[in-house]
Amino acid sequence: MRTYLPILKKYRLSFIVSPLLVLIAVLSETIQPYYMSRIVDDGIMQGDLGFIYRTGLMMVLIALAGLVVSIANVFVSTRMSISFGTDLRGELFRKIEELSFSDIDRFSTASLITRLTNDISRIQQVILMSLRVMLRAPLMLIMSIFFVVKINTQLAIILLFSIPLLALFTYFILRKGFPFFVIVQQKIDALNSVVRENLINIRVVKSFVREDYETDKFTRSSTDLKDIVVKSANIIITLMPVMQLILNFSILAVLWFGGLKVSSGSLQAGELIAFVNYLMQVLMSLMMLSNVIMNFARASASSQRIAEVLNTEPSLTDTPAALTAGYRIEKGRISFRDVCFRYEDGETDVLRDIDFEVEPGTTVAIAGATGSSKTSLVQLIPRLYDVTHGAILIDGIDVRDYELDYLHQRVGVVLQKNELFTGTIIDNLRWGDPMATFDEVVEAAKAAQAHDFIESFTNGYETMLGRGGVNISGGQKQRLCIARALLRKPQILILDDSTSAVDTETELKIRENLSRLLKTTTVLIITQRINTMQSADRVLILEDGEIEAYGTPEQLLETSQVYREIYNSQQIVF
């Protein structure tokens, strides 16, 4: 609970009020058997109707008071638990936003979604139970034991056998069931992953007529979840019948020995009735406690998963130099110095001994075979990942010594996978600059050759986009993403194969506009098109994570076998 203490402190008043309300409710409930015994022994047995009426009225008033405070506690506990869940969800989401690409890769998207939803709901439920039942059960247990001992100490000895037996059995059940609670959450992660992947790629599924295959995959994952839930449930549900058995035997023992005492005159009939009621309250409170403990055990698995994220220190943070020096990018010169890089779970470096320099305001085309780590290389520049060895400098300053927010503002990136968000086109474009005027948005759209198709829509720039831009083509998404990056007016612009879905003529116009608008911007373009390479100032050829060649297009035609193969493969032959 230490992890959640900063959030729980906001609701300290609820933690004070709720126990007081529970205490009043428990007192109103535990006092009832006492008055019932008085009615039997002092009213019915003595034939005193006035006493019966007065005591009965008192019981009604006490019951009404208990009802009012119980309703008040329901309101307080429900409001507090829901508010706590909302705050915790917000805190967890903010932490996820701070994580780097490698951190998110480690947790997996599906698992993070489960933690934000299912796991937090389980914690929220436990908080609710804590305020309603966990406080109620021990208070009722204490009060009921007090009255039981007060009525007859000898009969109270029966509890010395019942309570330890219940506690022992509960312990063994929880010890056996806890490992299954963790596995259940993992199976929910797996199911969410299958569903998420299917919905994102539903067009591919339908195009290849793989609905049956995906249905089978979902069924297997769902069946795995069902099997483990059934196993855990089978363990837990055995607790209730055993508790009920112990409860019944305890009542039989009390009735047997209590009946003997009533016959001998050492115990009154009303006291025996009250004793049975208090015994029921004792054992029911123990059953409630057992149920709470089981829910706590299940929630502890969820709590561990939430705490794992909350306690994760982002692998990419601002260095002391970044926080104090306040470095700024003035020119946009990029230098790779003996850079090596491997992913967190990788066994080998995907980039090795990368050493080159990009002059400010120049355009570098990066080419190479699939898997040559072109994307990995450019992602190191804005510190989406950190180098494993060596350094990347911008204007002579290590990228690690720039503030991350500032670095991301000045290095514009159009990723290989173009992502748009649900909302209007203009809202998506203003991700590049939330304060951009409409004229600035239009200028960026025109530069990215997006203005004409936007205007062809009935609502123009106010056209609503579905999730991920599902209602526009791939080429249109690419151009919107380029326009979004241009609005940022970056000092360095990275285009990761971001014109692959547009035709050659449109790409040529986009490059011309980039040259016109971004005269002082350093541009790196990942491409497989030879005309893009030919128009660049420099070309970098990667081969299996290493630099195969770097120079002007003319130089590489003379010196690079790989470049010549790319060049010759794209020449038109009549």
Protein backbone atom coordinates (compact mmCIF):
# COMPACT_ATOMS: atom_id res chain seq x y z
CA MET A 1 0.00 0.00 0.00
CA ARG A 2 3.02 2.30 0.32
CA THR A 3 2.90 2.79 -3.45
CA TYR A 4 -0.63 4.19 -3.22
CA LEU A 5 -0.09 6.29 -0.09
CA PRO A 6 0.21 9.65 -1.92
CA ILE A 7 -3.21 9.03 -3.53
CA LEU A 8 -4.84 7.65 -0.37
CA LYS A 9 -3.79 10.74 1.60
CA LYS A 10 -6.23 12.77 -0.49
CA TYR A 11 -9.07 10.76 1.03
CA ARG A 12 -8.02 10.79 4.69
CA LEU A 13 -11.39 12.25 5.66
CA SER A 14 -13.19 9.23 4.18
CA PHE A 15 -10.88 6.93 6.15
CA ILE A 16 -11.95 8.74 9.33
CA VAL A 17 -15.67 9.03 8.63
CA SER A 18 -16.19 5.52 7.26
CA PRO A 19 -14.93 3.63 10.36
CA LEU A 20 -17.16 5.81 12.58
CA LEU A 21 -20.18 5.00 10.43
CA VAL A 22 -19.28 1.31 10.45
CA LEU A 23 -18.88 1.37 14.24
CA ILE A 24 -22.37 2.84 14.69
CA ALA A 25 -23.84 0.30 12.25
CA VAL A 26 -22.13 -2.61 14.03
CA LEU A 27 -23.30 -1.40 17.45
CA SER A 28 -26.87 -1.13 16.18
CA GLU A 29 -26.68 -4.68 14.85
CA THR A 30 -24.92 -6.38 17.76
CA ILE A 31 -27.16 -4.84 20.39
CA GLN A 32 -30.28 -6.36 18.82
CA PRO A 33 -29.84 -9.95 20.16
CA TYR A 34 -29.37 -8.50 23.65
CA TYR A 35 -32.74 -6.70 23.49
CA MET A 36 -34.27 -9.84 21.96
CA SER A 37 -33.20 -11.88 24.98
CA ARG A 38 -34.68 -9.22 27.26
CA ILE A 39 -38.00 -9.43 25.41
CA VAL A 40 -38.08 -13.22 25.86
CA ASP A 41 -36.90 -13.39 29.48
CA ASP A 42 -38.32 -10.16 30.92
CA GLY A 43 -41.29 -9.62 28.63
CA ILE A 44 -42.76 -12.85 27.31
CA MET A 45 -41.81 -15.02 30.27
CA GLN A 46 -43.16 -12.41 32.71
CA GLY A 47 -46.18 -11.49 30.56
CA ASP A 48 -45.18 -7.80 30.52
CA LEU A 49 -46.63 -6.41 27.24
CA GLY A 50 -45.54 -2.85 28.04
CA PHE A 51 -41.91 -3.97 28.30
CA ILE A 52 -42.26 -5.87 25.03
CA TYR A 53 -43.65 -2.79 23.23
CA ARG A 54 -41.02 -0.44 24.66
CA THR A 55 -38.13 -2.75 23.90
CA GLY A 56 -39.50 -3.59 20.46
CA LEU A 57 -39.79 0.14 19.64
CA MET A 58 -36.22 0.63 20.83
CA MET A 59 -35.06 -2.18 18.51
CA VAL A 60 -36.89 -0.58 15.55
CA LEU A 61 -35.30 2.83 16.21
CA ILE A 62 -31.85 1.28 16.55
CA ALA A 63 -32.37 -0.67 13.31
CA LEU A 64 -33.43 2.53 11.49
CA ALA A 65 -30.36 4.35 12.81
CA GLY A 66 -28.17 1.48 11.61
CA LEU A 67 -29.85 1.63 8.20
CA VAL A 68 -29.19 5.36 7.84
CA VAL A 69 -25.51 5.14 8.76
CA SER A 70 -25.08 2.07 6.53
CA ILE A 71 -26.48 4.00 3.57
CA ALA A 72 -24.18 6.91 4.44
CA ASN A 73 -21.20 4.55 4.54
CA VAL A 74 -22.16 3.07 1.18
CA PHE A 75 -22.13 6.59 -0.28
CA VAL A 76 -18.79 7.53 1.32
CA SER A 77 -17.03 4.25 0.48
CA THR A 78 -18.33 4.08 -3.10
CA ARG A 79 -17.36 7.67 -3.86
CA MET A 80 -13.92 7.23 -2.30
CA SER A 81 -13.11 3.93 -4.02
CA ILE A 82 -14.18 5.18 -7.46
CA SER A 83 -12.21 8.41 -6.99
CA PHE A 84 -9.18 6.42 -5.86
CA GLY A 85 -9.43 4.17 -8.92
CA THR A 86 -9.68 7.20 -11.19
CA ASP A 87 -6.64 8.85 -9.61
CA LEU A 88 -4.62 5.64 -9.73
CA ARG A 89 -5.54 5.11 -13.37
CA GLY A 90 -4.44 8.66 -14.15
CA GLU A 91 -1.17 8.19 -12.25
CA LEU A 92 -0.47 4.93 -14.06
CA PHE A 93 -1.24 6.51 -17.44
CA ARG A 94 1.10 9.42 -16.72
CA LYS A 95 3.84 6.94 -15.81
CA ILE A 96 3.28 5.04 -19.07
CA GLU A 97 3.62 8.33 -20.96
CA GLU A 98 7.03 8.81 -19.33
CA LEU A 99 8.32 5.40 -20.39
CA SER A 100 10.66 5.02 -23.33
CA PHE A 101 10.07 2.80 -26.35
CA SER A 102 12.20 0.06 -24.80
CA ASP A 103 10.26 0.24 -21.50
CA ILE A 104 6.94 -0.12 -23.31
CA ASP A 105 8.35 -2.99 -25.40
CA ARG A 106 9.28 -4.75 -22.17
CA PHE A 107 5.77 -4.56 -20.69
CA SER A 108 3.87 -5.02 -23.99
CA THR A 109 0.92 -2.86 -25.01
CA ALA A 110 -1.73 -5.49 -24.20
CA SER A 111 -0.37 -5.95 -20.67
CA LEU A 112 -0.39 -2.19 -20.04
CA ILE A 113 -4.01 -2.00 -21.18
CA THR A 114 -4.95 -4.80 -18.75
CA ARG A 115 -3.16 -3.04 -15.91
CA LEU A 116 -4.98 0.22 -16.68
CA THR A 117 -8.37 -1.47 -16.71
CA ASN A 118 -8.81 -4.90 -15.10
CA ASP A 119 -6.05 -4.64 -12.50
CA ILE A 120 -7.06 -1.18 -11.30
CA SER A 121 -10.72 -2.25 -11.12
CA ARG A 122 -9.68 -5.09 -8.81
CA ILE A 123 -7.74 -2.70 -6.55
CA GLN A 124 -10.71 -0.33 -6.55
CA GLN A 125 -12.99 -3.18 -5.47
CA VAL A 126 -10.67 -4.05 -2.59
CA ILE A 127 -10.66 -0.44 -1.38
CA LEU A 128 -14.46 -0.53 -1.46
CA MET A 129 -14.52 -3.79 0.50
CA SER A 130 -12.03 -2.39 2.99
CA LEU A 131 -14.31 0.49 3.86
CA ARG A 132 -17.46 -1.62 3.99
CA VAL A 133 -16.59 -5.15 5.06
CA MET A 134 -13.02 -5.23 6.34
CA LEU A 135 -13.84 -2.68 9.04
CA ARG A 136 -17.23 -4.17 9.72
CA ALA A 137 -16.09 -7.79 10.18
CA PRO A 138 -13.50 -7.30 12.96
CA LEU A 139 -15.70 -4.81 14.81
CA MET A 140 -18.62 -7.22 14.70
CA LEU A 141 -16.33 -10.07 15.74
CA ILE A 142 -15.08 -8.14 18.80
CA MET A 143 -18.54 -6.96 19.84
CA SER A 144 -20.12 -10.39 19.37
CA ILE A 145 -17.37 -12.16 21.34
CA PHE A 146 -17.83 -9.59 24.11
CA PHE A 147 -21.57 -10.40 24.39
CA VAL A 148 -20.97 -14.16 24.04
CA VAL A 149 -18.51 -14.16 26.94
CA LYS A 150 -20.82 -11.93 28.94
CA ILE A 151 -23.78 -14.33 28.48
CA ASN A 152 -21.95 -17.57 29.31
CA THR A 153 -18.22 -18.13 29.53
CA GLN A 154 -18.47 -21.93 29.36
CA LEU A 155 -20.42 -21.92 26.09
CA ALA A 156 -17.97 -19.36 24.69
CA ILE A 157 -15.26 -22.07 24.84
CA ILE A 158 -16.85 -23.57 21.70
CA LEU A 159 -15.39 -20.58 19.80
CA LEU A 160 -11.88 -21.62 20.86
CA PHE A 161 -12.29 -24.60 18.53
CA SER A 162 -14.24 -22.95 15.70
CA ILE A 163 -12.15 -19.80 15.11
CA PRO A 164 -8.68 -21.45 14.81
CA LEU A 165 -10.15 -24.14 12.56
CA LEU A 166 -11.57 -21.50 10.19
CA ALA A 167 -8.33 -19.51 10.22
CA LEU A 168 -6.21 -22.59 9.45
CA PHE A 169 -8.39 -23.69 6.57
CA THR A 170 -8.46 -20.16 5.09
CA TYR A 171 -4.66 -20.01 5.20
CA PHE A 172 -4.24 -23.25 3.26
CA ILE A 173 -6.81 -22.22 0.66
CA LEU A 174 -5.11 -18.85 0.03
CA ARG A 175 -1.66 -20.39 -0.07
CA LYS A 176 -2.79 -22.80 -2.76
CA GLY A 177 -4.85 -20.26 -4.71
CA PHE A 178 -2.51 -17.25 -4.87
CA PRO A 179 -0.28 -18.51 -7.73
CA PHE A 180 -3.40 -18.94 -9.86
CA PHE A 181 -4.42 -15.30 -9.33
CA VAL A 182 -1.18 -14.13 -10.98
CA ILE A 183 -1.64 -16.54 -13.89
CA VAL A 184 -5.22 -15.34 -14.42
CA GLN A 185 -4.01 -11.77 -15.00
CA GLN A 186 -1.34 -13.02 -17.41
CA LYS A 187 -3.97 -14.96 -19.36
CA ILE A 188 -6.09 -11.79 -19.55
CA ASP A 189 -3.03 -10.02 -21.00
CA ALA A 190 -2.72 -12.73 -23.64
CA LEU A 191 -6.41 -12.54 -24.54
CA ASN A 192 -6.25 -8.74 -24.83
CA SER A 193 -3.22 -9.07 -27.09
CA VAL A 194 -5.08 -11.40 -29.46
CA VAL A 195 -8.14 -9.13 -29.57
CA ARG A 196 -6.09 -5.97 -30.07
CA GLU A 197 -3.99 -7.46 -32.86
CA ASN A 198 -7.07 -8.80 -34.63
CA LEU A 199 -8.98 -5.51 -34.51
CA ILE A 200 -6.01 -3.46 -35.68
CA ASN A 201 -5.36 -5.84 -38.59
CA ILE A 202 -8.99 -6.69 -39.38
CA ARG A 203 -8.61 -5.57 -43.00
CA VAL A 204 -5.69 -7.95 -43.49
CA VAL A 205 -7.66 -10.76 -41.85
CA LYS A 206 -10.59 -10.27 -44.19
CA SER A 207 -8.39 -9.76 -47.25
CA PHE A 208 -6.71 -13.13 -46.72
CA VAL A 209 -9.91 -14.83 -45.56
CA ARG A 210 -8.33 -15.77 -42.23
CA GLU A 211 -11.39 -15.23 -40.05
CA ASP A 212 -11.52 -18.93 -39.10
CA TYR A 213 -7.84 -18.94 -38.15
CA GLU A 214 -8.23 -15.80 -36.00
CA THR A 215 -11.38 -17.23 -34.42
CA ASP A 216 -9.50 -20.40 -33.49
CA LYS A 217 -6.65 -18.35 -32.03
CA PHE A 218 -9.09 -16.30 -29.97
CA THR A 219 -10.91 -19.45 -28.84
CA ARG A 220 -7.64 -21.05 -27.67
CA SER A 221 -6.68 -17.95 -25.71
CA SER A 222 -10.18 -17.61 -24.25
CA THR A 223 -10.24 -21.30 -23.30
CA ASP A 224 -6.85 -20.97 -21.58
CA LEU A 225 -8.27 -18.09 -19.53
CA LYS A 226 -11.42 -20.06 -18.72
CA ASP A 227 -9.44 -23.11 -17.58
CA ILE A 228 -7.23 -21.16 -15.20
CA VAL A 229 -10.19 -19.17 -13.83
CA VAL A 230 -12.08 -22.42 -13.20
CA LYS A 231 -9.05 -23.89 -11.42
CA SER A 232 -8.70 -20.87 -9.17
CA ALA A 233 -12.47 -20.75 -8.56
CA ASN A 234 -12.56 -24.45 -7.62
CA ILE A 235 -9.99 -23.82 -4.94
CA ILE A 236 -11.73 -20.76 -3.54
CA ILE A 237 -15.28 -22.11 -3.52
CA THR A 238 -14.27 -25.02 -1.29
CA LEU A 239 -13.86 -22.49 1.50
CA MET A 240 -17.54 -21.61 1.78
CA PRO A 241 -18.94 -25.16 2.28
CA VAL A 242 -16.29 -25.89 4.93
CA MET A 243 -17.10 -22.64 6.71
CA GLN A 244 -20.79 -23.48 6.58
CA LEU A 245 -20.06 -26.93 8.02
CA ILE A 246 -18.07 -25.45 10.90
CA LEU A 247 -20.84 -22.90 11.50
CA ASN A 248 -23.55 -25.58 11.64
CA PHE A 249 -21.56 -27.83 13.97
CA SER A 250 -20.90 -24.85 16.25
CA ILE A 251 -24.60 -24.00 16.39
CA LEU A 252 -25.47 -27.65 17.13
CA ALA A 253 -22.95 -27.73 19.94
CA VAL A 254 -24.31 -24.49 21.43
CA LEU A 255 -27.92 -25.73 21.22
CA TRP A 256 -26.96 -29.06 22.81
CA PHE A 257 -24.96 -27.74 25.73
CA GLY A 258 -27.06 -24.58 26.00
CA GLY A 259 -30.25 -26.65 26.13
CA LEU A 260 -28.80 -28.65 29.02
CA LYS A 261 -28.02 -25.42 30.87
CA VAL A 262 -31.54 -24.07 30.27
CA SER A 263 -32.96 -27.33 31.64
CA SER A 264 -30.80 -27.04 34.74
CA GLY A 265 -31.77 -23.38 35.18
CA SER A 266 -28.23 -21.99 34.84
CA LEU A 267 -29.14 -20.27 31.56
CA GLN A 268 -32.34 -18.53 30.51
CA ALA A 269 -34.08 -19.30 27.21
CA GLY A 270 -33.68 -15.72 25.94
CA GLU A 271 -29.97 -15.81 26.71
CA LEU A 272 -29.62 -19.03 24.71
CA ILE A 273 -31.41 -17.40 21.75
CA ALA A 274 -29.13 -14.34 22.03
CA PHE A 275 -26.07 -16.59 22.33
CA VAL A 276 -26.98 -18.41 19.09
CA ASN A 277 -27.46 -15.08 17.33
CA TYR A 278 -24.12 -13.79 18.57
CA LEU A 279 -22.46 -17.03 17.56
CA MET A 280 -23.90 -16.57 14.07
CA GLN A 281 -22.49 -13.03 14.02
CA VAL A 282 -19.06 -14.25 15.15
CA LEU A 283 -18.83 -16.95 12.52
CA MET A 284 -20.36 -14.75 9.80
CA SER A 285 -17.83 -12.03 10.56
CA LEU A 286 -15.10 -14.64 10.24
CA MET A 287 -16.53 -15.71 6.90
CA MET A 288 -16.60 -12.07 5.77
CA LEU A 289 -12.99 -11.66 6.84
CA SER A 290 -12.03 -14.78 4.93
CA ASN A 291 -13.75 -13.43 1.83
CA VAL A 292 -11.96 -10.09 2.21
CA ILE A 293 -8.62 -11.85 2.64
CA MET A 294 -9.24 -13.87 -0.52
CA ASN A 295 -10.06 -10.72 -2.45
CA PHE A 296 -6.95 -9.08 -1.04
CA ALA A 297 -4.91 -12.04 -2.21
CA ARG A 298 -6.36 -11.75 -5.71
CA ALA A 299 -5.86 -7.99 -5.69
CA SER A 300 -2.27 -8.34 -4.50
CA ALA A 301 -1.42 -9.99 -7.83
CA SER A 302 -2.92 -6.98 -9.62
CA SER A 303 -1.22 -4.62 -7.19
CA GLN A 304 2.18 -6.12 -7.96
CA ARG A 305 1.60 -5.57 -11.67
CA ILE A 306 0.54 -1.95 -11.15
CA ALA A 307 3.41 -1.25 -8.77
CA GLU A 308 5.81 -2.78 -11.28
CA VAL A 309 4.92 -0.01 -13.73
CA LEU A 310 4.65 2.80 -11.17
CA ASN A 311 8.04 1.93 -9.68
CA THR A 312 9.75 1.64 -13.05
CA GLU A 313 12.28 4.38 -13.60
CA PRO A 314 12.15 5.47 -17.27
CA SER A 315 15.25 4.25 -19.05
CA LEU A 316 15.50 7.61 -20.85
CA THR A 317 15.68 10.66 -18.59
CA ASP A 318 17.24 14.09 -18.63
CA THR A 319 20.87 14.01 -17.54
CA PRO A 320 22.16 16.56 -14.96
CA ALA A 321 23.87 18.42 -17.82
CA ALA A 322 20.57 18.58 -19.74
CA LEU A 323 18.78 20.05 -16.73
CA THR A 324 21.42 22.67 -15.96
CA ALA A 325 23.20 23.61 -19.20
CA GLY A 326 20.13 24.41 -21.30
CA TYR A 327 21.81 23.55 -24.61
CA ARG A 328 20.01 24.64 -27.80
CA ILE A 329 20.26 23.36 -31.38
CA GLU A 330 21.47 26.20 -33.58
CA LYS A 331 22.67 24.59 -36.82
CA GLY A 332 21.66 20.93 -36.90
CA ARG A 333 25.03 19.27 -37.53
CA ILE A 334 24.76 15.55 -36.71
CA SER A 335 27.78 13.43 -35.78
CA PHE A 336 27.82 9.68 -35.12
CA ARG A 337 30.93 8.70 -33.16
CA ASP A 338 31.69 4.97 -33.07
CA VAL A 339 28.03 4.16 -32.32
CA CYS A 340 26.88 0.66 -31.45
CA PHE A 341 23.34 -0.25 -30.48
CA ARG A 342 21.38 -3.31 -29.41
CA TYR A 343 17.83 -3.62 -28.14
CA GLU A 344 17.28 -4.43 -24.48
CA ASP A 345 16.58 -8.13 -25.01
CA GLY A 346 18.86 -8.46 -28.03
CA GLU A 347 21.80 -10.84 -28.09
CA THR A 348 23.85 -8.92 -30.66
CA ASP A 349 24.30 -5.31 -31.77
CA VAL A 350 22.00 -4.27 -34.61
CA LEU A 351 24.29 -1.29 -35.34
CA ARG A 352 28.06 -1.57 -35.21
CA ASP A 353 30.81 1.03 -35.46
CA ILE A 354 28.65 3.73 -37.04
CA ASP A 355 30.80 6.78 -37.69
CA PHE A 356 29.75 9.63 -40.01
CA GLU A 357 28.81 13.30 -40.01
CA VAL A 358 25.96 15.29 -41.57
CA GLU A 359 26.54 18.96 -42.32
CA PRO A 360 23.82 21.47 -41.32
CA GLY A 361 21.12 22.06 -43.90
CA THR A 362 22.04 19.06 -46.03
CA THR A 363 19.88 16.13 -47.05
CA VAL A 364 21.08 12.58 -46.48
CA ALA A 365 19.33 9.60 -48.04
CA ILE A 366 19.71 6.37 -46.06
CA ALA A 367 19.34 3.13 -47.98
CA GLY A 368 19.98 -0.55 -47.46
CA ALA A 369 18.36 -3.95 -47.54
CA THR A 370 15.46 -4.85 -45.27
CA GLY A 371 16.80 -5.54 -41.77
CA SER A 372 19.90 -3.38 -42.18
CA SER A 373 18.73 -1.28 -39.16
CA LYS A 374 17.98 1.96 -40.98
CA THR A 375 15.07 2.79 -38.69
CA SER A 376 17.08 1.87 -35.60
CA LEU A 377 19.78 4.33 -36.68
CA VAL A 378 17.50 7.36 -37.10
CA GLN A 379 15.58 6.62 -33.88
CA LEU A 380 18.79 7.19 -31.93
CA ILE A 381 19.00 10.84 -33.01
CA PRO A 382 15.94 12.11 -31.04
CA ARG A 383 16.73 9.61 -28.23
CA LEU A 384 13.79 7.34 -28.78
CA TYR A 385 16.44 4.81 -27.75
CA ASP A 386 19.89 5.38 -26.26
CA VAL A 387 23.11 4.17 -27.86
CA THR A 388 24.75 1.14 -26.32
CA HIS A 389 28.24 2.44 -27.09
CA GLY A 390 29.66 5.63 -28.54
CA ALA A 391 27.84 8.94 -28.87
CA ILE A 392 25.60 10.95 -31.18
CA LEU A 393 26.26 14.68 -31.25
CA ILE A 394 24.10 17.53 -32.48
CA ASP A 395 26.08 20.75 -32.92
CA GLY A 396 28.89 19.11 -30.96
CA ILE A 397 26.67 18.31 -27.94
CA ASP A 398 25.79 14.75 -26.96
CA VAL A 399 22.07 14.21 -27.55
CA ARG A 400 21.87 12.89 -23.98
CA ASP A 401 22.76 16.38 -22.75
CA TYR A 402 19.74 18.02 -24.39
CA GLU A 403 16.45 18.13 -22.51
CA LEU A 404 14.26 15.36 -23.92
CA ASP A 405 11.23 17.59 -24.48
CA TYR A 406 13.32 20.19 -26.27
CA LEU A 407 15.12 17.55 -28.36
CA HIS A 408 11.80 16.06 -29.48
CA GLN A 409 10.51 19.52 -30.37
CA ARG A 410 13.50 20.35 -32.56
CA VAL A 411 13.86 16.92 -34.20
CA GLY A 412 10.81 16.19 -36.31
CA VAL A 413 10.15 12.53 -37.03
CA VAL A 414 7.76 10.95 -39.51
CA LEU A 415 7.82 7.32 -38.47
CA GLN A 416 7.68 4.35 -40.82
CA LYS A 417 4.24 3.48 -39.48
CA ASN A 418 2.01 6.50 -39.94
CA GLU A 419 -0.24 7.02 -36.93
CA LEU A 420 -3.21 9.39 -36.83
CA PHE A 421 -5.73 9.91 -34.07
CA THR A 422 -9.49 10.00 -33.89
CA GLY A 423 -10.52 13.60 -34.52
CA THR A 424 -10.55 16.19 -37.27
CA ILE A 425 -7.79 16.55 -39.84
CA ILE A 426 -6.83 19.97 -38.50
CA ASP A 427 -6.62 18.62 -34.94
CA ASN A 428 -4.25 15.90 -36.15
CA LEU A 429 -2.10 18.41 -38.02
CA ARG A 430 -1.88 20.69 -34.99
CA TRP A 431 -0.09 17.94 -33.11
CA GLY A 432 2.93 19.49 -34.79
CA ASP A 433 2.11 22.90 -33.30
CA PRO A 434 -1.02 23.31 -31.15
CA MET A 435 -0.80 27.11 -31.57
CA ALA A 436 -0.50 27.06 -35.38
CA THR A 437 -2.84 29.37 -37.27
CA PHE A 438 -5.11 28.04 -39.99
CA ASP A 439 -2.91 29.68 -42.64
CA GLU A 440 0.16 27.92 -41.22
CA VAL A 441 -1.69 24.60 -41.26
CA VAL A 442 -2.69 25.12 -44.89
CA GLU A 443 0.88 26.07 -45.85
CA ALA A 444 2.23 22.86 -44.28
CA ALA A 445 -0.49 20.79 -45.97
CA LYS A 446 0.32 22.32 -49.34
CA ALA A 447 4.01 21.58 -48.86
CA ALA A 448 3.17 17.95 -48.10
CA GLN A 449 0.84 17.79 -51.14
CA ALA A 450 -2.11 17.16 -48.81
CA HIS A 451 -4.13 20.36 -49.28
CA ASP A 452 -5.90 19.31 -52.47
CA PHE A 453 -7.24 15.99 -51.20
CA ILE A 454 -8.24 17.60 -47.88
CA GLU A 455 -10.26 20.22 -49.75
CA SER A 456 -11.93 17.47 -51.78
CA PHE A 457 -13.66 16.25 -48.62
CA THR A 458 -17.05 17.79 -47.84
CA ASN A 459 -15.86 19.18 -44.49
CA GLY A 460 -12.32 19.97 -45.60
CA TYR A 461 -9.97 20.39 -42.68
CA GLU A 462 -12.83 19.62 -40.26
CA THR A 463 -13.24 16.12 -41.73
CA MET A 464 -13.35 13.52 -38.97
CA LEU A 465 -10.76 10.75 -39.11
CA GLY A 466 -11.45 7.30 -37.69
CA ARG A 467 -9.01 5.54 -35.39
CA GLY A 468 -5.61 5.50 -37.06
CA GLY A 469 -7.03 7.29 -40.13
CA VAL A 470 -8.95 4.25 -41.34
CA ASN A 471 -11.11 6.34 -43.69
CA ILE A 472 -8.22 7.66 -45.82
CA SER A 473 -5.61 5.96 -47.99
CA GLY A 474 -2.04 5.09 -47.02
CA GLY A 475 -0.59 7.81 -49.22
CA GLN A 476 -2.93 10.39 -47.72
CA LYS A 477 -1.93 9.34 -44.21
CA GLN A 478 1.74 9.73 -45.13
CA ARG A 479 1.21 13.23 -46.45
CA LEU A 480 -0.76 14.28 -43.36
CA CYS A 481 2.04 12.97 -41.14
CA ILE A 482 4.62 14.92 -43.17
CA ALA A 483 2.51 18.09 -42.90
CA ARG A 484 2.22 17.52 -39.14
CA ALA A 485 6.00 17.32 -38.85
CA LEU A 486 6.51 20.42 -41.03
CA LEU A 487 4.29 22.48 -38.71
CA ARG A 488 6.86 21.94 -36.00
CA LYS A 489 9.48 23.73 -38.14
CA PRO A 490 12.19 21.35 -36.89
CA GLN A 491 15.92 21.95 -37.08
CA ILE A 492 16.35 18.28 -38.01
CA LEU A 493 13.72 16.31 -39.97
CA ILE A 494 13.70 12.53 -40.20
CA LEU A 495 11.51 10.86 -42.84
CA ASP A 496 11.43 7.11 -42.30
CA ASP A 497 10.34 5.78 -45.70
CA SER A 498 7.43 8.19 -45.35
CA THR A 499 6.72 8.68 -49.07
CA SER A 500 6.62 5.00 -50.01
CA ALA A 501 2.85 5.09 -50.60
CA VAL A 502 2.83 8.16 -52.88
CA ASP A 503 3.67 8.25 -56.57
CA THR A 504 7.01 9.47 -57.89
CA GLU A 505 5.65 12.78 -59.17
CA THR A 506 4.03 13.63 -55.82
CA GLU A 507 7.19 12.64 -53.98
CA LEU A 508 9.23 14.95 -56.24
CA LYS A 509 6.91 17.87 -55.43
CA ILE A 510 7.15 17.12 -51.70
CA ARG A 511 10.97 17.09 -51.86
CA GLU A 512 10.99 20.39 -53.76
CA ASN A 513 8.72 21.97 -51.15
CA LEU A 514 10.91 20.64 -48.34
CA SER A 515 13.95 22.22 -49.98
CA ARG A 516 12.08 25.52 -50.28
CA LEU A 517 10.57 25.64 -46.78
CA LEU A 518 13.37 23.96 -44.81
CA LYS A 519 16.46 25.58 -46.31
CA THR A 520 18.41 25.42 -43.04
CA THR A 521 16.94 22.12 -41.84
CA THR A 522 19.05 18.97 -41.82
CA VAL A 523 17.00 16.20 -43.45
CA LEU A 524 17.51 12.44 -43.23
CA ILE A 525 15.36 10.33 -45.55
CA ILE A 526 15.11 6.55 -45.41
CA THR A 527 14.23 5.48 -48.92
CA GLN A 528 14.51 2.72 -51.49
CA ARG A 529 13.95 5.03 -54.49
CA ILE A 530 17.01 5.88 -56.51
CA ASN A 531 15.64 9.25 -57.66
CA THR A 532 15.38 10.31 -53.99
CA MET A 533 18.96 9.20 -53.41
CA GLN A 534 20.15 11.02 -56.53
CA SER A 535 18.59 14.28 -55.36
CA ALA A 536 20.18 14.07 -51.88
CA ASP A 537 23.44 15.76 -50.91
CA ARG A 538 24.79 12.55 -49.41
CA VAL A 539 23.79 8.89 -49.45
CA LEU A 540 24.42 6.48 -46.56
CA ILE A 541 24.34 2.78 -47.42
CA LEU A 542 23.81 0.37 -44.53
CA GLU A 543 24.60 -3.31 -44.82
CA ASP A 544 23.80 -5.65 -41.93
CA GLY A 545 24.04 -2.85 -39.36
CA GLU A 546 27.30 -1.40 -40.66
CA ILE A 547 28.12 1.47 -43.00
CA GLU A 548 28.86 0.05 -46.44
CA ALA A 549 29.35 3.46 -48.07
CA TYR A 550 28.82 7.17 -47.43
CA GLY A 551 29.25 9.99 -49.91
CA THR A 552 27.66 11.89 -52.75
CA PRO A 553 25.51 9.98 -55.25
CA GLU A 554 28.18 10.46 -57.88
CA GLN A 555 30.90 9.10 -55.60
CA LEU A 556 28.89 6.04 -54.66
CA LEU A 557 28.26 5.17 -58.30
CA GLU A 558 32.02 4.77 -58.54
CA THR A 559 32.82 3.20 -55.18
CA SER A 560 29.79 1.27 -53.87
CA GLN A 561 28.72 -2.04 -55.36
CA VAL A 562 25.47 -1.99 -53.32
CA TYR A 563 24.57 1.49 -54.55
CA ARG A 564 25.25 0.52 -58.17
CA GLU A 565 22.99 -2.51 -57.77
CA ILE A 566 20.18 -0.28 -56.43
CA TYR A 567 20.79 2.22 -59.23
CA ASN A 568 20.83 -0.35 -62.01
CA SER A 569 17.78 -2.22 -60.68
CA GLN A 570 15.60 0.90 -61.00
CA GLN A 571 16.64 2.01 -64.48
CA ILE A 572 13.96 1.83 -67.17
CA VAL A 573 14.83 -0.66 -69.86
CA PHE A 574 13.10 -0.42 -73.24
